[in-house]
Amino acid sequence: GGGGAGWSAVGVAVRGGWGWGRGVVREACVRGCAASAPEGMWVGWPETRGGGLELEGEQLRVASMERATGLVLGPGLGRERETLALAESIVRRVPIPMVLAADALQPAIVAAGEELRILTPHARDFARIARGTQLTDRPATSRATVARKGPDTRVSGPPPPPWPASPP
């Protein structure tokens, strides 16, 4: 989504030992991200008039994620209806473990797909997504590991999925 948030997520992947990171950001953000984090591979996604991500960019999903072993979705995404529909489609179709954060913490997005995931909600995000899903404070049978952020961060659910250090 947004340049700063995408840049940050790719930087964490690279510094965290994955060896590389691909950032899919709005077209307007590619040059700035590439200049700030040249170790990342940057893909520009077509934008809506409001600055969100267009559904028409869905074909980029296949090309951008063919070798991906994990996905971070949400930081800088925005909340335009078209962008959230795109995010839900990605979660439903991409068969890899993922982290859902920030704007991706919407009930329809959290409930989509079958892959294991890590959710990182604050209290307000958790209240919103718990209403629209089967998510509870202790989702023993859920496919989500939940890291509820706050003064006392709580982690519940199955163990996070094992991710390889780099793509095959």
C-alpha atoms as a PDB file:
ATOM      1  CA  GLY A   1       0.000   0.000   0.000  1.00  0.00           C
ATOM      2  CA  GLY A   2       1.617   3.169   1.230  1.00  0.00           C
ATOM      3  CA  GLY A   3       5.276   3.871   0.656  1.00  0.00           C
ATOM      4  CA  GLY A   4       6.467   4.376   4.229  1.00  0.00           C
ATOM      5  CA  ALA A   5       4.625   1.385   5.605  1.00  0.00           C
ATOM      6  CA  GLY A   6       5.660  -0.822   2.684  1.00  0.00           C
ATOM      7  CA  TRP A   7       9.249   0.322   3.006  1.00  0.00           C
ATOM      8  CA  SER A   8       9.175  -0.518   6.710  1.00  0.00           C
ATOM      9  CA  ALA A   9       7.701  -4.015   6.161  1.00  0.00           C
ATOM     10  CA  VAL A  10      10.277  -4.876   3.483  1.00  0.00           C
ATOM     11  CA  GLY A  11      13.074  -3.519   5.676  1.00  0.00           C
ATOM     12  CA  VAL A  12      11.984  -5.762   8.541  1.00  0.00           C
ATOM     13  CA  ALA A  13      11.969  -8.793   6.205  1.00  0.00           C
ATOM     14  CA  VAL A  14      15.463  -8.031   4.931  1.00  0.00           C
ATOM     15  CA  ARG A  15      16.930  -7.236   8.366  1.00  0.00           C
ATOM     16  CA  GLY A  16      15.077 -10.201   9.892  1.00  0.00           C
ATOM     17  CA  GLY A  17      17.101 -12.677   7.842  1.00  0.00           C
ATOM     18  CA  TRP A  18      14.788 -13.422   4.930  1.00  0.00           C
ATOM     19  CA  GLY A  19      17.519 -12.080   2.656  1.00  0.00           C
ATOM     20  CA  TRP A  20      15.189 -10.115   0.415  1.00  0.00           C
ATOM     21  CA  GLY A  21      11.792  -8.511   0.370  1.00  0.00           C
ATOM     22  CA  ARG A  22       9.411  -7.509  -2.370  1.00  0.00           C
ATOM     23  CA  GLY A  23       7.265  -4.481  -1.751  1.00  0.00           C
ATOM     24  CA  VAL A  24       4.050  -4.010  -3.666  1.00  0.00           C
ATOM     25  CA  VAL A  25       3.173  -0.356  -3.213  1.00  0.00           C
ATOM     26  CA  ARG A  26       1.165   2.328  -4.987  1.00  0.00           C
ATOM     27  CA  GLU A  27       2.803   3.331  -8.276  1.00  0.00           C
ATOM     28  CA  ALA A  28       3.505   6.810  -6.908  1.00  0.00           C
ATOM     29  CA  CYS A  29       5.609   5.321  -4.086  1.00  0.00           C
ATOM     30  CA  VAL A  30       7.971   3.049  -6.067  1.00  0.00           C
ATOM     31  CA  ARG A  31      10.760   5.555  -6.724  1.00  0.00           C
ATOM     32  CA  GLY A  32      10.907   6.748  -3.125  1.00  0.00           C
ATOM     33  CA  CYS A  33      10.902   3.195  -1.762  1.00  0.00           C
ATOM     34  CA  ALA A  34      13.610   2.080  -4.201  1.00  0.00           C
ATOM     35  CA  ALA A  35      15.789   5.045  -3.229  1.00  0.00           C
ATOM     36  CA  SER A  36      15.264   4.448   0.495  1.00  0.00           C
ATOM     37  CA  ALA A  37      15.564   0.655   0.439  1.00  0.00           C
ATOM     38  CA  PRO A  38      17.450  -0.507  -2.672  1.00  0.00           C
ATOM     39  CA  GLU A  39      17.737  -4.024  -1.196  1.00  0.00           C
ATOM     40  CA  GLY A  40      13.997  -4.422  -1.731  1.00  0.00           C
ATOM     41  CA  MET A  41      12.331  -5.344  -4.991  1.00  0.00           C
ATOM     42  CA  TRP A  42       9.559  -2.791  -5.639  1.00  0.00           C
ATOM     43  CA  VAL A  43       6.430  -3.311  -7.710  1.00  0.00           C
ATOM     44  CA  GLY A  44       4.060  -0.452  -8.466  1.00  0.00           C
ATOM     45  CA  TRP A  45       0.344  -1.222  -8.168  1.00  0.00           C
ATOM     46  CA  PRO A  46      -2.215   0.808 -10.152  1.00  0.00           C
ATOM     47  CA  GLU A  47      -3.980   3.401  -7.996  1.00  0.00           C
ATOM     48  CA  THR A  48      -7.580   4.456  -7.606  1.00  0.00           C
ATOM     49  CA  ARG A  49      -8.440   8.149  -7.840  1.00  0.00           C
ATOM     50  CA  GLY A  50      -8.457   8.242  -4.054  1.00  0.00           C
ATOM     51  CA  GLY A  51      -4.943   6.775  -3.815  1.00  0.00           C
ATOM     52  CA  GLY A  52      -5.939   3.191  -2.957  1.00  0.00           C
ATOM     53  CA  LEU A  53      -5.009   0.020  -4.825  1.00  0.00           C
ATOM     54  CA  GLU A  54      -7.110  -0.872  -7.890  1.00  0.00           C
ATOM     55  CA  LEU A  55      -8.718  -4.271  -8.333  1.00  0.00           C
ATOM     56  CA  GLU A  56      -7.471  -4.158 -11.943  1.00  0.00           C
ATOM     57  CA  GLY A  57      -3.964  -4.704 -10.609  1.00  0.00           C
ATOM     58  CA  GLU A  58      -4.894  -8.247  -9.528  1.00  0.00           C
ATOM     59  CA  GLN A  59      -2.724  -9.758 -12.307  1.00  0.00           C
ATOM     60  CA  LEU A  60       0.299  -8.280 -10.512  1.00  0.00           C
ATOM     61  CA  ARG A  61      -0.540 -10.487  -7.541  1.00  0.00           C
ATOM     62  CA  VAL A  62       0.421 -13.594  -9.463  1.00  0.00           C
ATOM     63  CA  ALA A  63       3.681 -12.162 -10.788  1.00  0.00           C
ATOM     64  CA  SER A  64       4.613 -10.478  -7.500  1.00  0.00           C
ATOM     65  CA  MET A  65       3.987 -13.465  -5.274  1.00  0.00           C
ATOM     66  CA  GLU A  66       5.073 -16.459  -7.335  1.00  0.00           C
ATOM     67  CA  ARG A  67       8.135 -17.122  -5.141  1.00  0.00           C
ATOM     68  CA  ALA A  68       6.907 -15.525  -1.936  1.00  0.00           C
ATOM     69  CA  THR A  69       7.071 -17.535   1.274  1.00  0.00           C
ATOM     70  CA  GLY A  70       5.224 -15.034   3.432  1.00  0.00           C
ATOM     71  CA  LEU A  71       3.085 -11.941   3.092  1.00  0.00           C
ATOM     72  CA  VAL A  72       2.572  -8.850   5.220  1.00  0.00           C
ATOM     73  CA  LEU A  73      -0.687  -7.139   4.319  1.00  0.00           C
ATOM     74  CA  GLY A  74      -2.160  -4.021   5.841  1.00  0.00           C
ATOM     75  CA  PRO A  75       0.410  -1.333   6.645  1.00  0.00           C
ATOM     76  CA  GLY A  76      -0.381   1.651   4.425  1.00  0.00           C
ATOM     77  CA  LEU A  77      -3.210  -0.198   2.675  1.00  0.00           C
ATOM     78  CA  GLY A  78      -5.961   2.337   3.300  1.00  0.00           C
ATOM     79  CA  ARG A  79      -9.670   1.632   3.665  1.00  0.00           C
ATOM     80  CA  GLU A  80     -11.203   2.355   0.271  1.00  0.00           C
ATOM     81  CA  ARG A  81     -13.870  -0.200  -0.597  1.00  0.00           C
ATOM     82  CA  GLU A  82     -12.060  -1.307  -3.782  1.00  0.00           C
ATOM     83  CA  THR A  83      -8.744  -1.683  -1.957  1.00  0.00           C
ATOM     84  CA  LEU A  84     -10.309  -3.744   0.845  1.00  0.00           C
ATOM     85  CA  ALA A  85     -12.015  -5.987  -1.752  1.00  0.00           C
ATOM     86  CA  LEU A  86      -8.610  -6.494  -3.360  1.00  0.00           C
ATOM     87  CA  ALA A  87      -7.047  -7.349   0.014  1.00  0.00           C
ATOM     88  CA  GLU A  88      -9.792  -9.896   0.700  1.00  0.00           C
ATOM     89  CA  SER A  89      -9.211 -11.466  -2.731  1.00  0.00           C
ATOM     90  CA  ILE A  90      -5.473 -11.699  -2.073  1.00  0.00           C
ATOM     91  CA  VAL A  91      -5.981 -13.355   1.324  1.00  0.00           C
ATOM     92  CA  ARG A  92      -8.466 -15.785  -0.212  1.00  0.00           C
ATOM     93  CA  ARG A  93      -6.203 -16.738  -3.151  1.00  0.00           C
ATOM     94  CA  VAL A  94      -2.611 -16.579  -1.911  1.00  0.00           C
ATOM     95  CA  PRO A  95      -1.612 -19.962  -0.428  1.00  0.00           C
ATOM     96  CA  ILE A  96       1.145 -18.781   1.923  1.00  0.00           C
ATOM     97  CA  PRO A  97       1.333 -17.795   5.605  1.00  0.00           C
ATOM     98  CA  MET A  98       0.737 -14.110   6.222  1.00  0.00           C
ATOM     99  CA  VAL A  99       0.730 -11.325   8.743  1.00  0.00           C
ATOM    100  CA  LEU A 100      -2.421  -9.202   8.730  1.00  0.00           C
ATOM    101  CA  ALA A 101      -1.970  -5.813  10.338  1.00  0.00           C
ATOM    102  CA  ALA A 102      -3.325  -2.274  10.354  1.00  0.00           C
ATOM    103  CA  ASP A 103      -5.952  -1.679   7.651  1.00  0.00           C
ATOM    104  CA  ALA A 104      -6.116  -5.392   6.730  1.00  0.00           C
ATOM    105  CA  LEU A 105      -7.673  -6.099  10.135  1.00  0.00           C
ATOM    106  CA  GLN A 106     -11.235  -6.090   8.778  1.00  0.00           C
ATOM    107  CA  PRO A 107     -13.699  -8.938   9.500  1.00  0.00           C
ATOM    108  CA  ALA A 108     -14.084 -10.030   5.850  1.00  0.00           C
ATOM    109  CA  ILE A 109     -10.327 -10.030   5.259  1.00  0.00           C
ATOM    110  CA  VAL A 110      -9.514 -11.890   8.493  1.00  0.00           C
ATOM    111  CA  ALA A 111     -12.170 -14.532   7.710  1.00  0.00           C
ATOM    112  CA  ALA A 112     -11.013 -15.064   4.105  1.00  0.00           C
ATOM    113  CA  GLY A 113      -8.684 -17.852   3.013  1.00  0.00           C
ATOM    114  CA  GLU A 114      -7.449 -20.990   4.686  1.00  0.00           C
ATOM    115  CA  GLU A 115      -3.794 -20.265   5.400  1.00  0.00           C
ATOM    116  CA  LEU A 116      -2.318 -19.776   8.845  1.00  0.00           C
ATOM    117  CA  ARG A 117      -1.806 -16.168   9.746  1.00  0.00           C
ATOM    118  CA  ILE A 118      -0.605 -13.835  12.432  1.00  0.00           C
ATOM    119  CA  LEU A 119      -2.891 -10.957  13.410  1.00  0.00           C
ATOM    120  CA  THR A 120      -1.543  -7.872  15.186  1.00  0.00           C
ATOM    121  CA  PRO A 121      -4.549  -5.887  16.452  1.00  0.00           C
ATOM    122  CA  HIS A 122      -4.771  -3.106  19.004  1.00  0.00           C
ATOM    123  CA  ALA A 123      -7.829  -3.278  21.315  1.00  0.00           C
ATOM    124  CA  ARG A 124     -10.132  -1.417  18.896  1.00  0.00           C
ATOM    125  CA  ASP A 125      -8.998  -3.539  15.915  1.00  0.00           C
ATOM    126  CA  PHE A 126      -9.561  -6.707  17.953  1.00  0.00           C
ATOM    127  CA  ALA A 127     -13.085  -5.658  18.922  1.00  0.00           C
ATOM    128  CA  ARG A 128     -13.913  -4.985  15.261  1.00  0.00           C
ATOM    129  CA  ILE A 129     -12.562  -8.258  13.881  1.00  0.00           C
ATOM    130  CA  ALA A 130     -13.830 -10.420  16.741  1.00  0.00           C
ATOM    131  CA  ARG A 131     -17.413  -9.262  16.041  1.00  0.00           C
ATOM    132  CA  GLY A 132     -17.261 -10.448  12.437  1.00  0.00           C
ATOM    133  CA  THR A 133     -15.383 -13.725  12.949  1.00  0.00           C
ATOM    134  CA  GLN A 134     -15.078 -16.698  15.275  1.00  0.00           C
ATOM    135  CA  LEU A 135     -12.020 -15.072  16.826  1.00  0.00           C
ATOM    136  CA  THR A 136     -11.905 -15.071  20.620  1.00  0.00           C
ATOM    137  CA  ASP A 137      -9.353 -14.071  23.182  1.00  0.00           C
ATOM    138  CA  ARG A 138      -8.006 -17.626  23.100  1.00  0.00           C
ATOM    139  CA  PRO A 139      -8.631 -19.036  19.610  1.00  0.00           C
ATOM    140  CA  ALA A 140      -7.509 -22.598  20.391  1.00  0.00           C
ATOM    141  CA  THR A 141      -8.792 -24.022  17.106  1.00  0.00           C
ATOM    142  CA  SER A 142      -8.363 -20.897  14.998  1.00  0.00           C
ATOM    143  CA  ARG A 143      -5.892 -20.696  12.159  1.00  0.00           C
ATOM    144  CA  ALA A 144      -4.751 -17.340  13.544  1.00  0.00           C
ATOM    145  CA  THR A 145      -2.101 -16.514  16.077  1.00  0.00           C
ATOM    146  CA  VAL A 146      -3.212 -13.251  17.627  1.00  0.00           C
ATOM    147  CA  ALA A 147      -0.773 -10.764  19.129  1.00  0.00           C
ATOM    148  CA  ARG A 148      -3.091  -8.301  20.904  1.00  0.00           C
ATOM    149  CA  LYS A 149      -1.026  -5.159  21.254  1.00  0.00           C
ATOM    150  CA  GLY A 150      -1.374  -2.926  24.263  1.00  0.00           C
ATOM    151  CA  PRO A 151       0.129  -2.254  27.688  1.00  0.00           C
ATOM    152  CA  ASP A 152       0.086  -6.018  28.263  1.00  0.00           C
ATOM    153  CA  THR A 153       0.523  -7.639  24.845  1.00  0.00           C
ATOM    154  CA  ARG A 154      -1.172 -11.028  24.747  1.00  0.00           C
ATOM    155  CA  VAL A 155      -0.397 -13.767  22.253  1.00  0.00           C
ATOM    156  CA  SER A 156      -2.878 -16.585  21.751  1.00  0.00           C
ATOM    157  CA  GLY A 157      -3.734 -19.258  19.229  1.00  0.00           C
ATOM    158  CA  PRO A 158      -1.668 -21.880  17.440  1.00  0.00           C
ATOM    159  CA  PRO A 159       2.071 -21.341  17.059  1.00  0.00           C
ATOM    160  CA  PRO A 160       2.969 -19.025  14.178  1.00  0.00           C
ATOM    161  CA  PRO A 161       3.669 -20.808  10.886  1.00  0.00           C
ATOM    162  CA  PRO A 162       7.282 -21.756  10.138  1.00  0.00           C
ATOM    163  CA  TRP A 163       8.635 -19.568   7.361  1.00  0.00           C
ATOM    164  CA  PRO A 164      11.802 -20.390   5.413  1.00  0.00           C
ATOM    165  CA  ALA A 165      14.655 -17.902   5.699  1.00  0.00           C
ATOM    166  CA  SER A 166      14.522 -17.236   1.957  1.00  0.00           C
ATOM    167  CA  PRO A 167      12.390 -18.304  -1.010  1.00  0.00           C
ATOM    168  CA  PRO A 168      13.103 -21.598  -2.774  1.00  0.00           C
END
